[in-house]
Amino acid sequence: MNAAAPHPAPDGHASEAVSVAAERRWAIIVMAIIALLVLMMVVTGLHWASMPPSRVETVDVKTLHTRGEFVESNLGTTMAPDGKVTVRLVAQQYSFVPQCIVVPADMPVTFRGTATDAIHGFVVGRTNANTMLIPGFVATFTTTFHRTGEQLMPCHEYCGTGHEAMWGRVQVLPAEDFLSRARTGERLSCVQG
C-alpha cells in the first residue's frame, strides 16, 4: 500500500531563519548609520551655536544708505594705495547697486556686499564668485577673474515677484586698462550717466 510515497519537501524554515537574521543585521546597520548622522548634526549644530565664525560683520540696515561703508558714494570698485581692489555693493528688491561693476583681470578682487530687505545672492558668469547677501550682515570673499569681457551677475536667491529681472553686469578689464582708470582715485563703475 505504501508503494511510492513522495519524499517530504525540504523544510523552508531554515532558509527563512537565515533571511530574517540577515535582514535584522542590515536593519541594525542602517539604524546605526542614521543615529551616527543625527549625532553628527547635533554636535556640529551645538558647536556652531556656541562658537560662531569669528569673522561675522554686521551692519544696520536702517542706516545703511546714510552712513558707514555702504553709503551710495562708497559703492563700486576702488583700489587702495597698497594696490588692493575692493568692490562694495548692495542688493535690494530688485536691483544691485551699482548695476555694473568694473574689475581687473588677473588681480585679486575682494567683494563686500550686503542686502537691505531680503536674502539675495549673486553669481558672476562662469566664475567662482558666488555668495548670499543677507540683511544686516556683510558678505566678504576674494576671487580673481581670468577672462576679460562682460559677464552677467544675476540674483540666484528668490527674493520676490521681480526676482527674475534682478541682475547686474561685471566688466573685466585687462589689468593695464583697469590700473590706468583706477589711478584717478574715483570709484569705478560701468553705469552710464
N, C-alpha and C. Protein backbone atom coordinates (compact mmCIF):
# COMPACT_ATOMS: atom_id res chain seq x y z
N MET A 1 0.78 -1.18 0.00
CA MET A 1 0.00 0.00 0.00
C MET A 1 0.83 1.25 0.00
N ASN A 2 1.89 1.15 0.51
CA ASN A 2 2.76 2.30 0.60
C ASN A 2 3.83 2.17 -0.47
N ALA A 3 3.43 2.06 -1.67
CA ALA A 3 4.35 1.76 -2.75
C ALA A 3 5.33 2.89 -3.02
N ALA A 4 4.91 3.95 -3.52
CA ALA A 4 5.83 5.03 -3.88
C ALA A 4 5.43 6.30 -3.15
N ALA A 5 5.74 6.37 -1.90
CA ALA A 5 5.39 7.55 -1.11
C ALA A 5 6.28 8.71 -1.52
N PRO A 6 5.72 9.86 -1.76
CA PRO A 6 6.54 11.01 -2.14
C PRO A 6 7.45 11.42 -0.99
N HIS A 7 8.63 11.88 -1.39
CA HIS A 7 9.56 12.37 -0.36
C HIS A 7 9.05 13.68 0.19
N PRO A 8 9.22 13.90 1.47
CA PRO A 8 8.74 15.17 2.04
C PRO A 8 9.55 16.34 1.48
N ALA A 9 8.89 17.48 1.27
CA ALA A 9 9.55 18.68 0.74
C ALA A 9 10.56 19.17 1.77
N PRO A 10 11.67 19.72 1.29
CA PRO A 10 12.67 20.24 2.24
C PRO A 10 12.03 21.32 3.10
N ASP A 11 12.46 21.39 4.32
CA ASP A 11 11.90 22.35 5.27
C ASP A 11 12.37 23.76 4.94
N GLY A 12 11.48 24.69 4.70
CA GLY A 12 11.80 26.07 4.36
C GLY A 12 12.11 26.92 5.56
N HIS A 13 11.94 26.36 6.76
CA HIS A 13 12.16 27.15 7.96
C HIS A 13 13.62 27.55 8.14
N ALA A 14 14.56 26.76 7.74
CA ALA A 14 15.98 27.08 7.91
C ALA A 14 16.38 28.27 7.05
N SER A 15 15.98 28.28 5.77
CA SER A 15 16.34 29.41 4.90
C SER A 15 15.61 30.69 5.32
N GLU A 16 14.42 30.55 5.84
CA GLU A 16 13.69 31.72 6.32
C GLU A 16 14.38 32.32 7.54
N ALA A 17 14.91 31.50 8.40
CA ALA A 17 15.62 31.99 9.58
C ALA A 17 16.89 32.73 9.17
N VAL A 18 17.58 32.23 8.16
CA VAL A 18 18.80 32.90 7.67
C VAL A 18 18.42 34.26 7.09
N SER A 19 17.34 34.34 6.30
CA SER A 19 16.89 35.60 5.70
C SER A 19 16.51 36.61 6.77
N VAL A 20 15.79 36.17 7.78
CA VAL A 20 15.37 37.07 8.85
C VAL A 20 16.59 37.60 9.60
N ALA A 21 17.57 36.74 9.86
CA ALA A 21 18.78 37.17 10.58
C ALA A 21 19.55 38.20 9.74
N ALA A 22 19.66 37.98 8.42
CA ALA A 22 20.36 38.93 7.55
C ALA A 22 19.63 40.27 7.51
N GLU A 23 18.33 40.24 7.39
CA GLU A 23 17.54 41.47 7.38
C GLU A 23 17.70 42.23 8.70
N ARG A 24 17.70 41.48 9.79
CA ARG A 24 17.85 42.11 11.11
C ARG A 24 19.22 42.79 11.22
N ARG A 25 20.29 42.13 10.73
CA ARG A 25 21.63 42.73 10.76
C ARG A 25 21.66 44.02 9.94
N TRP A 26 21.08 44.00 8.75
CA TRP A 26 21.07 45.19 7.90
C TRP A 26 20.25 46.31 8.54
N ALA A 27 19.15 45.96 9.17
CA ALA A 27 18.33 46.97 9.85
C ALA A 27 19.13 47.63 10.97
N ILE A 28 19.90 46.83 11.71
CA ILE A 28 20.73 47.37 12.79
C ILE A 28 21.82 48.28 12.22
N ILE A 29 22.45 47.87 11.12
CA ILE A 29 23.50 48.69 10.50
C ILE A 29 22.93 50.02 10.00
N VAL A 30 21.78 49.98 9.33
CA VAL A 30 21.15 51.21 8.83
C VAL A 30 20.76 52.13 9.99
N MET A 31 20.19 51.58 11.03
CA MET A 31 19.81 52.39 12.20
C MET A 31 21.04 53.01 12.84
N ALA A 32 22.15 52.28 12.91
CA ALA A 32 23.39 52.81 13.48
C ALA A 32 23.91 53.97 12.62
N ILE A 33 23.86 53.84 11.30
CA ILE A 33 24.30 54.92 10.42
C ILE A 33 23.43 56.15 10.61
N ILE A 34 22.11 55.97 10.66
CA ILE A 34 21.20 57.10 10.86
C ILE A 34 21.49 57.77 12.21
N ALA A 35 21.67 56.97 13.26
CA ALA A 35 21.96 57.53 14.58
C ALA A 35 23.27 58.31 14.56
N LEU A 36 24.29 57.79 13.87
CA LEU A 36 25.57 58.48 13.76
C LEU A 36 25.41 59.82 13.04
N LEU A 37 24.65 59.85 11.95
CA LEU A 37 24.43 61.09 11.22
C LEU A 37 23.68 62.12 12.06
N VAL A 38 22.66 61.68 12.79
CA VAL A 38 21.92 62.60 13.66
C VAL A 38 22.83 63.13 14.76
N LEU A 39 23.65 62.27 15.34
CA LEU A 39 24.59 62.70 16.37
C LEU A 39 25.58 63.73 15.81
N MET A 40 26.07 63.50 14.58
CA MET A 40 26.99 64.45 13.96
C MET A 40 26.31 65.80 13.75
N MET A 41 25.05 65.81 13.32
CA MET A 41 24.33 67.07 13.11
C MET A 41 24.14 67.81 14.44
N VAL A 42 23.80 67.09 15.49
CA VAL A 42 23.59 67.72 16.80
C VAL A 42 24.90 68.31 17.31
N VAL A 43 25.98 67.55 17.26
CA VAL A 43 27.28 68.03 17.75
C VAL A 43 27.73 69.25 16.95
N THR A 44 27.61 69.19 15.61
CA THR A 44 28.02 70.31 14.77
C THR A 44 27.15 71.54 15.06
N GLY A 45 25.85 71.35 15.18
CA GLY A 45 24.96 72.47 15.48
C GLY A 45 25.28 73.12 16.81
N LEU A 46 25.51 72.31 17.84
CA LEU A 46 25.86 72.86 19.15
C LEU A 46 27.21 73.58 19.10
N HIS A 47 28.16 73.03 18.36
CA HIS A 47 29.48 73.67 18.23
C HIS A 47 29.34 75.05 17.58
N TRP A 48 28.62 75.14 16.45
CA TRP A 48 28.48 76.43 15.76
C TRP A 48 27.63 77.40 16.57
N ALA A 49 26.69 76.90 17.35
CA ALA A 49 25.87 77.79 18.17
C ALA A 49 26.69 78.38 19.30
N SER A 50 27.61 77.62 19.85
CA SER A 50 28.41 78.12 20.96
C SER A 50 29.66 78.85 20.50
N MET A 51 30.10 78.57 19.27
CA MET A 51 31.32 79.21 18.75
C MET A 51 31.06 79.64 17.29
N PRO A 52 30.33 80.73 17.07
CA PRO A 52 30.05 81.14 15.69
C PRO A 52 31.34 81.55 14.99
N PRO A 53 31.33 81.60 13.66
CA PRO A 53 32.53 82.02 12.94
C PRO A 53 33.00 83.37 13.48
N SER A 54 34.30 83.54 13.61
CA SER A 54 34.85 84.72 14.26
C SER A 54 34.78 85.96 13.37
N ARG A 55 34.52 85.80 12.11
CA ARG A 55 34.57 86.93 11.20
C ARG A 55 33.18 87.40 10.77
N VAL A 56 32.24 87.41 11.68
CA VAL A 56 30.89 87.86 11.36
C VAL A 56 30.86 89.37 11.48
N GLU A 57 30.50 90.05 10.38
CA GLU A 57 30.37 91.50 10.39
C GLU A 57 28.90 91.85 10.22
N THR A 58 28.45 92.82 10.97
CA THR A 58 27.05 93.23 10.87
C THR A 58 26.97 94.70 10.49
N VAL A 59 25.83 95.07 9.91
CA VAL A 59 25.53 96.46 9.58
C VAL A 59 24.08 96.73 9.96
N ASP A 60 23.77 97.98 10.18
CA ASP A 60 22.40 98.37 10.50
C ASP A 60 21.69 98.71 9.20
N VAL A 61 20.70 97.91 8.81
CA VAL A 61 20.02 98.14 7.53
C VAL A 61 19.22 99.44 7.53
N LYS A 62 18.89 99.96 8.70
CA LYS A 62 18.12 101.21 8.78
C LYS A 62 18.97 102.41 8.38
N THR A 63 20.27 102.34 8.65
CA THR A 63 21.16 103.47 8.35
C THR A 63 22.16 103.13 7.25
N LEU A 64 21.93 102.06 6.57
CA LEU A 64 22.86 101.57 5.55
C LEU A 64 23.18 102.62 4.49
N HIS A 65 22.16 103.35 4.02
CA HIS A 65 22.36 104.32 2.94
C HIS A 65 22.80 105.69 3.43
N THR A 66 22.79 105.93 4.74
CA THR A 66 23.10 107.26 5.24
C THR A 66 24.47 107.39 5.89
N ARG A 67 25.02 106.28 6.38
CA ARG A 67 26.35 106.38 6.99
C ARG A 67 27.03 105.01 6.95
N GLY A 68 28.34 105.04 7.04
CA GLY A 68 29.10 103.81 7.06
C GLY A 68 29.64 103.41 5.70
N GLU A 69 30.08 102.20 5.62
CA GLU A 69 30.77 101.68 4.44
C GLU A 69 29.90 101.61 3.20
N PHE A 70 28.60 101.41 3.35
CA PHE A 70 27.74 101.14 2.21
C PHE A 70 26.88 102.33 1.78
N VAL A 71 27.33 103.57 2.07
CA VAL A 71 26.62 104.73 1.52
C VAL A 71 26.83 104.71 0.00
N GLU A 72 25.90 105.28 -0.73
CA GLU A 72 25.93 105.16 -2.19
C GLU A 72 27.23 105.70 -2.80
N SER A 73 27.78 106.75 -2.24
CA SER A 73 29.02 107.32 -2.80
C SER A 73 30.23 106.41 -2.59
N ASN A 74 30.08 105.38 -1.77
CA ASN A 74 31.19 104.47 -1.48
C ASN A 74 31.05 103.14 -2.22
N LEU A 75 29.99 102.98 -3.03
CA LEU A 75 29.75 101.71 -3.72
C LEU A 75 30.50 101.69 -5.05
N GLY A 76 30.83 100.51 -5.48
CA GLY A 76 31.57 100.34 -6.73
C GLY A 76 32.94 99.78 -6.45
N THR A 77 33.85 99.96 -7.39
CA THR A 77 35.20 99.38 -7.29
C THR A 77 36.20 100.46 -6.92
N THR A 78 37.07 100.15 -5.97
CA THR A 78 38.15 101.06 -5.59
C THR A 78 39.46 100.30 -5.53
N MET A 79 40.53 101.05 -5.66
CA MET A 79 41.85 100.46 -5.48
C MET A 79 42.55 101.24 -4.39
N ALA A 80 42.94 100.55 -3.33
CA ALA A 80 43.61 101.18 -2.20
C ALA A 80 45.05 101.53 -2.59
N PRO A 81 45.68 102.41 -1.83
CA PRO A 81 47.08 102.77 -2.13
C PRO A 81 48.03 101.56 -2.15
N ASP A 82 47.69 100.52 -1.40
CA ASP A 82 48.54 99.33 -1.39
C ASP A 82 48.25 98.40 -2.58
N GLY A 83 47.31 98.78 -3.47
CA GLY A 83 47.02 98.00 -4.67
C GLY A 83 45.89 97.00 -4.53
N LYS A 84 45.27 96.94 -3.36
CA LYS A 84 44.15 96.00 -3.17
C LYS A 84 42.89 96.57 -3.82
N VAL A 85 42.20 95.70 -4.56
CA VAL A 85 40.98 96.08 -5.26
C VAL A 85 39.78 95.57 -4.46
N THR A 86 38.84 96.49 -4.16
CA THR A 86 37.66 96.14 -3.38
C THR A 86 36.41 96.60 -4.12
N VAL A 87 35.41 95.73 -4.17
CA VAL A 87 34.10 96.05 -4.75
C VAL A 87 33.10 96.05 -3.61
N ARG A 88 32.36 97.15 -3.48
CA ARG A 88 31.29 97.22 -2.48
C ARG A 88 29.97 97.32 -3.24
N LEU A 89 28.99 96.50 -2.81
CA LEU A 89 27.69 96.53 -3.47
C LEU A 89 26.58 96.24 -2.49
N VAL A 90 25.39 96.70 -2.85
CA VAL A 90 24.20 96.48 -2.03
C VAL A 90 23.13 95.87 -2.93
N ALA A 91 22.46 94.86 -2.41
CA ALA A 91 21.34 94.25 -3.13
C ALA A 91 20.05 94.69 -2.45
N GLN A 92 19.07 95.04 -3.28
CA GLN A 92 17.76 95.42 -2.77
C GLN A 92 16.74 95.02 -3.81
N GLN A 93 15.50 94.86 -3.40
CA GLN A 93 14.49 94.42 -4.37
C GLN A 93 14.32 95.48 -5.42
N TYR A 94 14.53 95.32 -6.61
CA TYR A 94 15.01 94.18 -7.39
C TYR A 94 16.19 94.64 -8.21
N SER A 95 17.25 95.09 -7.53
CA SER A 95 18.42 95.60 -8.23
C SER A 95 19.67 95.48 -7.38
N PHE A 96 20.80 95.58 -8.07
CA PHE A 96 22.09 95.69 -7.40
C PHE A 96 22.55 97.14 -7.55
N VAL A 97 23.20 97.67 -6.53
CA VAL A 97 23.79 99.00 -6.61
C VAL A 97 25.26 98.84 -6.30
N PRO A 98 26.14 99.17 -7.27
CA PRO A 98 25.87 99.64 -8.62
C PRO A 98 25.41 98.49 -9.53
N GLN A 99 24.75 98.88 -10.61
CA GLN A 99 24.20 97.92 -11.57
C GLN A 99 25.30 97.27 -12.40
N CYS A 100 26.42 97.96 -12.55
CA CYS A 100 27.53 97.44 -13.36
C CYS A 100 28.84 97.70 -12.62
N ILE A 101 29.66 96.68 -12.53
CA ILE A 101 30.91 96.73 -11.75
C ILE A 101 32.09 96.53 -12.70
N VAL A 102 33.17 97.27 -12.46
CA VAL A 102 34.40 97.13 -13.24
C VAL A 102 35.45 96.46 -12.36
N VAL A 103 36.06 95.39 -12.86
CA VAL A 103 37.12 94.70 -12.11
C VAL A 103 38.29 94.41 -13.05
N PRO A 104 39.49 94.23 -12.49
CA PRO A 104 40.64 93.91 -13.32
C PRO A 104 40.78 92.40 -13.54
N ALA A 105 41.40 92.04 -14.64
CA ALA A 105 41.71 90.62 -14.89
C ALA A 105 43.02 90.28 -14.19
N ASP A 106 43.13 89.06 -13.73
CA ASP A 106 44.35 88.51 -13.16
C ASP A 106 44.89 89.28 -11.95
N MET A 107 43.99 89.88 -11.19
CA MET A 107 44.34 90.53 -9.92
C MET A 107 43.30 90.11 -8.89
N PRO A 108 43.69 89.88 -7.64
CA PRO A 108 42.69 89.53 -6.62
C PRO A 108 41.72 90.69 -6.40
N VAL A 109 40.43 90.35 -6.33
CA VAL A 109 39.37 91.34 -6.10
C VAL A 109 38.57 90.88 -4.89
N THR A 110 38.42 91.76 -3.91
CA THR A 110 37.64 91.45 -2.71
C THR A 110 36.26 92.07 -2.85
N PHE A 111 35.22 91.24 -2.75
CA PHE A 111 33.84 91.70 -2.79
C PHE A 111 33.34 91.85 -1.36
N ARG A 112 32.66 92.97 -1.09
CA ARG A 112 32.00 93.19 0.19
C ARG A 112 30.59 93.64 -0.14
N GLY A 113 29.61 92.89 0.33
CA GLY A 113 28.24 93.23 -0.01
C GLY A 113 27.27 92.93 1.10
N THR A 114 26.09 93.53 0.99
CA THR A 114 25.02 93.29 1.94
C THR A 114 23.69 93.50 1.22
N ALA A 115 22.61 93.26 1.93
CA ALA A 115 21.27 93.45 1.37
C ALA A 115 20.47 94.34 2.32
N THR A 116 19.46 94.97 1.77
CA THR A 116 18.65 95.89 2.58
C THR A 116 17.33 95.33 3.04
N ASP A 117 16.78 94.33 2.31
CA ASP A 117 15.40 93.97 2.56
C ASP A 117 15.09 92.48 2.61
N ALA A 118 15.79 91.68 1.87
CA ALA A 118 15.53 90.24 1.81
C ALA A 118 16.85 89.55 1.49
N ILE A 119 16.85 88.24 1.57
CA ILE A 119 18.05 87.50 1.20
C ILE A 119 18.18 87.51 -0.31
N HIS A 120 19.33 87.94 -0.79
CA HIS A 120 19.65 87.95 -2.21
C HIS A 120 20.92 87.14 -2.39
N GLY A 121 21.26 86.88 -3.60
CA GLY A 121 22.52 86.21 -3.89
C GLY A 121 23.01 86.67 -5.23
N PHE A 122 24.28 86.42 -5.51
CA PHE A 122 24.74 86.70 -6.85
C PHE A 122 25.83 85.73 -7.23
N VAL A 123 25.89 85.49 -8.51
CA VAL A 123 26.91 84.65 -9.09
C VAL A 123 27.38 85.38 -10.34
N VAL A 124 28.69 85.41 -10.57
CA VAL A 124 29.23 86.11 -11.73
C VAL A 124 29.59 85.10 -12.80
N GLY A 125 28.80 85.09 -13.87
CA GLY A 125 29.08 84.25 -15.04
C GLY A 125 29.52 82.85 -14.67
N ARG A 126 30.58 82.41 -15.31
CA ARG A 126 31.13 81.07 -15.05
C ARG A 126 32.37 81.16 -14.18
N THR A 127 32.28 81.94 -13.10
CA THR A 127 33.40 82.08 -12.18
C THR A 127 33.01 81.48 -10.84
N ASN A 128 33.93 81.54 -9.89
CA ASN A 128 33.62 81.06 -8.55
C ASN A 128 33.10 82.19 -7.66
N ALA A 129 32.81 83.36 -8.23
CA ALA A 129 32.25 84.48 -7.48
C ALA A 129 30.77 84.18 -7.25
N ASN A 130 30.43 83.78 -6.02
CA ASN A 130 29.09 83.31 -5.72
C ASN A 130 28.87 83.45 -4.22
N THR A 131 27.85 84.20 -3.81
CA THR A 131 27.59 84.35 -2.39
C THR A 131 26.14 84.74 -2.15
N MET A 132 25.74 84.68 -0.91
CA MET A 132 24.42 85.14 -0.48
C MET A 132 24.60 86.46 0.25
N LEU A 133 23.67 87.38 0.04
CA LEU A 133 23.67 88.67 0.72
C LEU A 133 22.47 88.70 1.66
N ILE A 134 22.75 88.80 2.95
CA ILE A 134 21.72 88.71 3.98
C ILE A 134 21.60 90.05 4.68
N PRO A 135 20.38 90.58 4.83
CA PRO A 135 20.22 91.87 5.51
C PRO A 135 20.85 91.86 6.90
N GLY A 136 21.62 92.90 7.18
CA GLY A 136 22.26 93.03 8.48
C GLY A 136 23.64 92.40 8.57
N PHE A 137 24.07 91.66 7.55
CA PHE A 137 25.37 91.01 7.58
C PHE A 137 26.18 91.41 6.34
N VAL A 138 27.50 91.43 6.48
CA VAL A 138 28.38 91.74 5.37
C VAL A 138 29.00 90.45 4.86
N ALA A 139 28.81 90.17 3.58
CA ALA A 139 29.43 89.00 2.94
C ALA A 139 30.73 89.46 2.31
N THR A 140 31.81 88.73 2.56
CA THR A 140 33.13 89.09 2.03
C THR A 140 33.77 87.85 1.43
N PHE A 141 34.31 88.00 0.23
CA PHE A 141 35.11 86.94 -0.37
C PHE A 141 36.05 87.57 -1.39
N THR A 142 37.12 86.86 -1.71
CA THR A 142 38.11 87.33 -2.67
C THR A 142 38.22 86.33 -3.80
N THR A 143 38.28 86.83 -5.02
CA THR A 143 38.41 85.98 -6.20
C THR A 143 39.27 86.69 -7.24
N THR A 144 39.64 85.96 -8.26
CA THR A 144 40.41 86.51 -9.37
C THR A 144 39.71 86.15 -10.67
N PHE A 145 39.55 87.13 -11.54
CA PHE A 145 38.93 86.92 -12.85
C PHE A 145 40.02 86.74 -13.89
N HIS A 146 39.93 85.68 -14.65
CA HIS A 146 40.99 85.39 -15.63
C HIS A 146 40.59 85.74 -17.05
N ARG A 147 39.32 85.91 -17.33
CA ARG A 147 38.86 86.22 -18.69
C ARG A 147 38.31 87.64 -18.74
N THR A 148 38.75 88.41 -19.71
CA THR A 148 38.23 89.75 -19.86
C THR A 148 36.89 89.70 -20.58
N GLY A 149 36.16 90.80 -20.50
CA GLY A 149 34.86 90.88 -21.15
C GLY A 149 33.76 91.10 -20.13
N GLU A 150 32.54 91.14 -20.62
CA GLU A 150 31.39 91.39 -19.76
C GLU A 150 30.71 90.08 -19.36
N GLN A 151 30.34 89.99 -18.09
CA GLN A 151 29.64 88.81 -17.59
C GLN A 151 28.40 89.26 -16.83
N LEU A 152 27.38 88.43 -16.87
CA LEU A 152 26.15 88.73 -16.15
C LEU A 152 26.27 88.34 -14.68
N MET A 153 25.56 89.06 -13.83
CA MET A 153 25.56 88.81 -12.40
C MET A 153 24.11 88.75 -11.91
N PRO A 154 23.43 87.60 -12.08
CA PRO A 154 22.03 87.51 -11.65
C PRO A 154 21.91 87.22 -10.16
N CYS A 155 20.77 87.58 -9.62
CA CYS A 155 20.42 87.18 -8.25
C CYS A 155 19.97 85.72 -8.33
N HIS A 156 20.56 84.86 -7.50
CA HIS A 156 20.20 83.45 -7.55
C HIS A 156 19.43 82.97 -6.33
N GLU A 157 18.97 83.90 -5.50
CA GLU A 157 18.11 83.55 -4.37
C GLU A 157 16.77 84.22 -4.60
N TYR A 158 15.69 83.45 -4.60
CA TYR A 158 14.38 84.03 -4.85
C TYR A 158 14.08 85.11 -3.83
N CYS A 159 13.79 86.32 -4.32
CA CYS A 159 13.60 87.46 -3.42
C CYS A 159 12.26 88.16 -3.60
N GLY A 160 11.38 87.62 -4.43
CA GLY A 160 10.06 88.21 -4.61
C GLY A 160 9.63 88.14 -6.06
N THR A 161 8.53 88.82 -6.36
CA THR A 161 7.93 88.70 -7.70
C THR A 161 8.80 89.30 -8.80
N GLY A 162 9.70 90.20 -8.51
CA GLY A 162 10.57 90.78 -9.53
C GLY A 162 11.93 90.12 -9.61
N HIS A 163 12.08 88.98 -8.95
CA HIS A 163 13.38 88.30 -8.88
C HIS A 163 14.00 88.03 -10.24
N GLU A 164 13.20 87.60 -11.20
CA GLU A 164 13.76 87.20 -12.50
C GLU A 164 14.39 88.37 -13.24
N ALA A 165 14.07 89.60 -12.88
CA ALA A 165 14.64 90.77 -13.55
C ALA A 165 15.83 91.35 -12.78
N MET A 166 16.22 90.73 -11.68
CA MET A 166 17.30 91.26 -10.85
C MET A 166 18.63 90.71 -11.32
N TRP A 167 19.38 91.54 -11.98
CA TRP A 167 20.70 91.14 -12.45
C TRP A 167 21.56 92.38 -12.62
N GLY A 168 22.84 92.18 -12.63
CA GLY A 168 23.80 93.25 -12.87
C GLY A 168 24.82 92.76 -13.88
N ARG A 169 25.82 93.56 -14.11
CA ARG A 169 26.88 93.20 -15.06
C ARG A 169 28.24 93.42 -14.40
N VAL A 170 29.21 92.63 -14.83
CA VAL A 170 30.59 92.79 -14.38
C VAL A 170 31.46 92.91 -15.62
N GLN A 171 32.18 94.03 -15.73
CA GLN A 171 33.12 94.20 -16.83
C GLN A 171 34.52 93.91 -16.33
N VAL A 172 35.14 92.89 -16.91
CA VAL A 172 36.50 92.52 -16.54
C VAL A 172 37.43 93.15 -17.57
N LEU A 173 38.25 94.09 -17.11
CA LEU A 173 39.18 94.80 -17.99
C LEU A 173 40.58 94.21 -17.87
N PRO A 174 41.38 94.31 -18.92
CA PRO A 174 42.79 93.94 -18.78
C PRO A 174 43.40 94.77 -17.64
N ALA A 175 44.33 94.20 -16.91
CA ALA A 175 44.89 94.85 -15.72
C ALA A 175 45.44 96.24 -16.04
N GLU A 176 46.10 96.41 -17.18
CA GLU A 176 46.68 97.72 -17.53
C GLU A 176 45.59 98.78 -17.68
N ASP A 177 44.50 98.42 -18.37
CA ASP A 177 43.39 99.36 -18.55
C ASP A 177 42.76 99.72 -17.21
N PHE A 178 42.56 98.72 -16.38
CA PHE A 178 41.97 98.97 -15.07
C PHE A 178 42.86 99.89 -14.25
N LEU A 179 44.16 99.61 -14.23
CA LEU A 179 45.08 100.42 -13.42
C LEU A 179 45.12 101.87 -13.91
N SER A 180 45.05 102.09 -15.22
CA SER A 180 45.06 103.47 -15.72
C SER A 180 43.78 104.20 -15.31
N ARG A 181 42.65 103.51 -15.28
CA ARG A 181 41.41 104.14 -14.84
C ARG A 181 41.37 104.33 -13.33
N ALA A 182 41.95 103.41 -12.59
CA ALA A 182 41.90 103.45 -11.13
C ALA A 182 42.82 104.52 -10.55
N ARG A 183 43.81 104.96 -11.29
CA ARG A 183 44.76 105.95 -10.76
C ARG A 183 44.11 107.30 -10.52
N THR A 184 42.97 107.55 -11.11
CA THR A 184 42.30 108.83 -10.89
C THR A 184 41.75 108.93 -9.47
N GLY A 185 41.65 107.81 -8.76
CA GLY A 185 41.22 107.82 -7.37
C GLY A 185 39.72 107.77 -7.17
N GLU A 186 38.95 107.79 -8.25
CA GLU A 186 37.49 107.75 -8.07
C GLU A 186 36.99 106.31 -8.11
N ARG A 187 35.76 106.15 -7.69
CA ARG A 187 35.15 104.84 -7.72
C ARG A 187 34.83 104.48 -9.16
N LEU A 188 35.13 103.23 -9.51
CA LEU A 188 34.91 102.79 -10.88
C LEU A 188 33.57 102.09 -11.00
N SER A 189 32.86 102.41 -12.04
CA SER A 189 31.60 101.75 -12.35
C SER A 189 31.40 101.86 -13.84
N CYS A 190 30.70 100.92 -14.42
CA CYS A 190 30.42 100.99 -15.86
C CYS A 190 28.99 101.44 -16.12
N VAL A 191 28.35 101.99 -15.09
CA VAL A 191 26.99 102.52 -15.26
C VAL A 191 27.10 103.82 -16.04
N GLN A 192 26.31 103.96 -17.08
CA GLN A 192 26.33 105.17 -17.91
C GLN A 192 25.60 106.29 -17.20
N GLY A 193 26.15 107.49 -17.31
CA GLY A 193 25.47 108.68 -16.82
C GLY A 193 25.87 108.99 -15.46
